[in-house]
Amino acid sequence: MGMLTHARKVPGVTVLRGVAEALPFRDRTLDLVFFHLSLHHTRWEVALAEAVRVRRTGGRIELWTFGEAHHATSFLGAMFPEVADLDRARFPSPDRVAATLEASGLAVSTETVVESVERSVAFWEEGIRGRFVSTLQALDDARIDAALDAFRVRYPRPDEIIASTLTFERLVARD
């Protein structure tokens, strides 16, 4: 189910569709502007300028993204070494994002958040085949198939649980 469809079912939630580079809100009206693993899908400097524009005084801009700690250790990066390089090119560095927000007059706090994830082999295979991580969409079918063949050799039981970690960089900007 798409995010908009799901959000429309939540009582008290108003759903608007837009793009981060042209937010459909008046200046200084939002308490929170939140990006979760999405800034790299935008022209991020423009999206941050829009976030600053619509954030009210006293509100905050919060974003969760990936930085070098994640790129160097991700489970998918181990399966697909090219994914780490593609992500390094796609994701703006958290330091650059923080500097951009600070240049707008905001104070930025940062923290690294490590999340443990446990999923079955079948879950991983289905997700990879469906290219559930957008970077995988840059790989051709032959590359996906080759990696899944090697994955099945290493993890032959579909019900086996694989533990991995996600290393997020959390940035919070406020007055």
Protein backbone atom coordinates (compact mmCIF):
# COMPACT_ATOMS: atom_id res chain seq x y z
CA MET A 1 0.00 0.00 0.00
CA GLY A 2 1.36 3.43 -0.87
CA MET A 3 2.20 5.94 1.84
CA LEU A 4 -0.53 8.37 0.76
CA THR A 5 -3.17 5.65 0.80
CA HIS A 6 -2.07 4.53 4.26
CA ALA A 7 -1.90 8.11 5.61
CA ARG A 8 -5.43 8.88 4.39
CA LYS A 9 -6.72 6.14 6.71
CA VAL A 10 -5.22 7.73 9.83
CA PRO A 11 -7.80 9.77 11.77
CA GLY A 12 -6.91 13.44 12.12
CA VAL A 13 -4.24 13.39 9.43
CA THR A 14 -4.51 15.73 6.47
CA VAL A 15 -2.71 14.41 3.42
CA LEU A 16 -1.14 16.67 0.82
CA ARG A 17 0.96 15.51 -2.07
CA GLY A 18 3.91 17.59 -3.14
CA VAL A 19 7.63 17.62 -3.72
CA ALA A 20 10.27 18.62 -1.21
CA GLU A 21 11.63 21.31 -3.50
CA ALA A 22 8.27 23.16 -3.59
CA LEU A 23 6.39 22.44 -0.37
CA PRO A 24 2.69 23.37 -0.54
CA PHE A 25 2.71 25.36 2.74
CA ARG A 26 2.87 29.02 3.71
CA ASP A 27 6.06 30.43 5.18
CA ARG A 28 6.80 29.63 8.85
CA THR A 29 3.75 27.38 9.47
CA LEU A 30 5.10 23.94 10.40
CA ASP A 31 6.38 22.70 13.74
CA LEU A 32 8.25 19.83 12.12
CA VAL A 33 9.71 19.15 8.70
CA PHE A 34 10.89 15.54 8.60
CA PHE A 35 12.98 13.67 6.03
CA HIS A 36 13.53 9.93 6.51
CA LEU A 37 15.88 8.39 3.96
CA SER A 38 14.43 10.73 1.36
CA LEU A 39 16.74 13.73 1.02
CA HIS A 40 18.89 11.92 -1.55
CA HIS A 41 15.85 11.68 -3.85
CA THR A 42 15.68 15.47 -4.08
CA ARG A 43 17.74 18.40 -5.18
CA TRP A 44 18.68 18.45 -1.52
CA GLU A 45 19.91 22.06 -1.21
CA VAL A 46 16.57 23.28 -2.62
CA ALA A 47 14.62 20.89 -0.39
CA LEU A 48 16.45 22.15 2.70
CA ALA A 49 15.78 25.77 1.72
CA GLU A 50 12.08 24.89 1.48
CA ALA A 51 12.20 23.18 4.87
CA VAL A 52 13.76 26.30 6.38
CA ARG A 53 11.09 28.46 4.71
CA VAL A 54 8.10 26.52 6.07
CA ARG A 55 9.48 25.78 9.56
CA ARG A 56 8.02 28.14 12.13
CA THR A 57 10.22 29.83 14.73
CA GLY A 58 10.72 27.29 17.49
CA GLY A 59 9.98 24.36 15.18
CA ARG A 60 12.52 21.87 13.95
CA ILE A 61 13.83 20.18 10.86
CA GLU A 62 14.76 16.57 11.44
CA LEU A 63 16.34 14.20 9.00
CA TRP A 64 17.58 10.67 9.05
CA THR A 65 20.05 9.69 6.38
CA PHE A 66 22.99 7.41 5.73
CA GLY A 67 26.62 8.42 5.90
CA GLU A 68 29.94 6.69 5.58
CA ALA A 69 29.46 4.46 8.63
CA HIS A 70 26.47 2.85 6.92
CA HIS A 71 27.96 2.72 3.43
CA ALA A 72 31.02 0.91 4.74
CA THR A 73 29.12 -1.74 6.72
CA SER A 74 25.72 -2.33 5.12
CA PHE A 75 24.46 -5.86 4.54
CA LEU A 76 23.50 -5.02 0.95
CA GLY A 77 26.89 -3.41 0.41
CA ALA A 78 28.49 -6.75 1.26
CA MET A 79 26.31 -8.51 -1.32
CA PHE A 80 26.66 -5.78 -3.91
CA PRO A 81 29.94 -3.87 -3.45
CA GLU A 82 28.83 -1.36 -6.07
CA VAL A 83 25.86 -0.35 -3.87
CA ALA A 84 28.14 1.36 -1.34
CA ASP A 85 29.78 3.42 -4.10
CA LEU A 86 26.43 4.29 -5.67
CA ASP A 87 25.08 5.36 -2.28
CA ARG A 88 28.16 7.47 -1.54
CA ALA A 89 27.38 9.36 -4.75
CA ARG A 90 23.62 9.60 -4.09
CA PHE A 91 23.45 10.52 -0.40
CA PRO A 92 24.66 14.01 0.53
CA SER A 93 27.21 13.83 3.32
CA PRO A 94 25.66 14.54 6.72
CA ASP A 95 28.41 17.14 7.30
CA ARG A 96 27.38 19.04 4.16
CA VAL A 97 23.71 18.85 5.15
CA ALA A 98 24.52 20.18 8.64
CA ALA A 99 26.65 22.98 7.20
CA THR A 100 23.84 23.97 4.83
CA LEU A 101 21.33 24.15 7.67
CA GLU A 102 23.78 26.06 9.89
CA ALA A 103 24.31 28.57 7.06
CA SER A 104 20.55 29.26 7.34
CA GLY A 105 21.06 30.33 10.96
CA LEU A 106 19.97 27.10 12.61
CA ALA A 107 21.78 25.10 15.27
CA VAL A 108 22.25 21.49 14.25
CA SER A 109 22.73 18.52 16.55
CA THR A 110 23.80 15.18 15.15
CA GLU A 111 23.84 11.64 16.43
CA THR A 112 24.50 8.21 15.04
CA VAL A 113 21.68 5.74 15.61
CA VAL A 114 22.28 2.03 15.07
CA GLU A 115 19.23 -0.12 14.49
CA SER A 116 19.41 -3.92 14.59
CA VAL A 117 17.34 -5.69 11.98
CA GLU A 118 16.50 -9.38 11.89
CA ARG A 119 14.86 -10.76 8.77
CA SER A 120 14.52 -14.17 7.18
CA VAL A 121 16.48 -15.26 4.15
CA ALA A 122 13.15 -15.38 2.25
CA PHE A 123 12.41 -11.77 3.24
CA TRP A 124 15.82 -10.59 2.00
CA GLU A 125 15.51 -12.51 -1.26
CA GLU A 126 12.03 -11.17 -1.98
CA GLY A 127 13.09 -7.62 -1.13
CA ILE A 128 16.22 -7.75 -3.25
CA ARG A 129 14.37 -9.26 -6.20
CA GLY A 130 11.76 -6.49 -5.85
CA ARG A 131 14.55 -3.90 -5.49
CA PHE A 132 13.11 -2.64 -2.20
CA VAL A 133 16.10 -0.37 -1.74
CA SER A 134 16.17 2.27 -4.46
CA THR A 135 19.89 1.83 -5.16
CA LEU A 136 19.20 -1.72 -6.33
CA GLN A 137 17.13 -0.22 -9.15
CA ALA A 138 20.41 0.89 -10.74
CA LEU A 139 21.55 -2.74 -11.14
CA ASP A 140 20.56 -4.93 -14.07
CA ASP A 141 18.73 -8.25 -13.70
CA ALA A 142 21.89 -10.29 -14.36
CA ARG A 143 23.69 -8.60 -11.43
CA ILE A 144 20.72 -9.13 -9.10
CA ASP A 145 20.42 -12.79 -10.17
CA ALA A 146 24.16 -13.46 -9.68
CA ALA A 147 24.10 -12.00 -6.18
CA LEU A 148 20.97 -13.95 -5.25
CA ASP A 149 22.55 -17.17 -6.53
CA ALA A 150 25.55 -16.60 -4.24
CA PHE A 151 23.18 -15.61 -1.40
CA ARG A 152 21.24 -18.89 -1.73
CA VAL A 153 24.48 -20.88 -1.54
CA ARG A 154 25.52 -19.07 1.62
CA TYR A 155 22.00 -19.12 3.15
CA PRO A 156 20.17 -22.20 1.81
CA ARG A 157 17.33 -22.17 4.39
CA PRO A 158 14.59 -19.62 3.57
CA ASP A 159 13.50 -19.46 7.22
CA GLU A 160 16.99 -18.73 8.58
CA ILE A 161 17.17 -15.36 10.32
CA ILE A 162 19.88 -12.93 9.31
CA ALA A 163 20.81 -10.11 11.66
CA SER A 164 22.12 -6.87 10.22
CA THR A 165 22.38 -3.25 11.27
CA LEU A 166 21.37 0.08 9.80
CA THR A 167 23.57 2.99 10.84
CA PHE A 168 21.58 6.20 10.54
CA GLU A 169 22.81 9.75 10.88
CA ARG A 170 20.13 11.83 12.63
CA LEU A 171 20.30 15.60 12.26
CA VAL A 172 18.01 17.99 14.13
CA ALA A 173 18.01 21.69 13.24
CA ARG A 174 16.31 24.37 15.31
CA ASP A 175 16.71 27.96 16.48
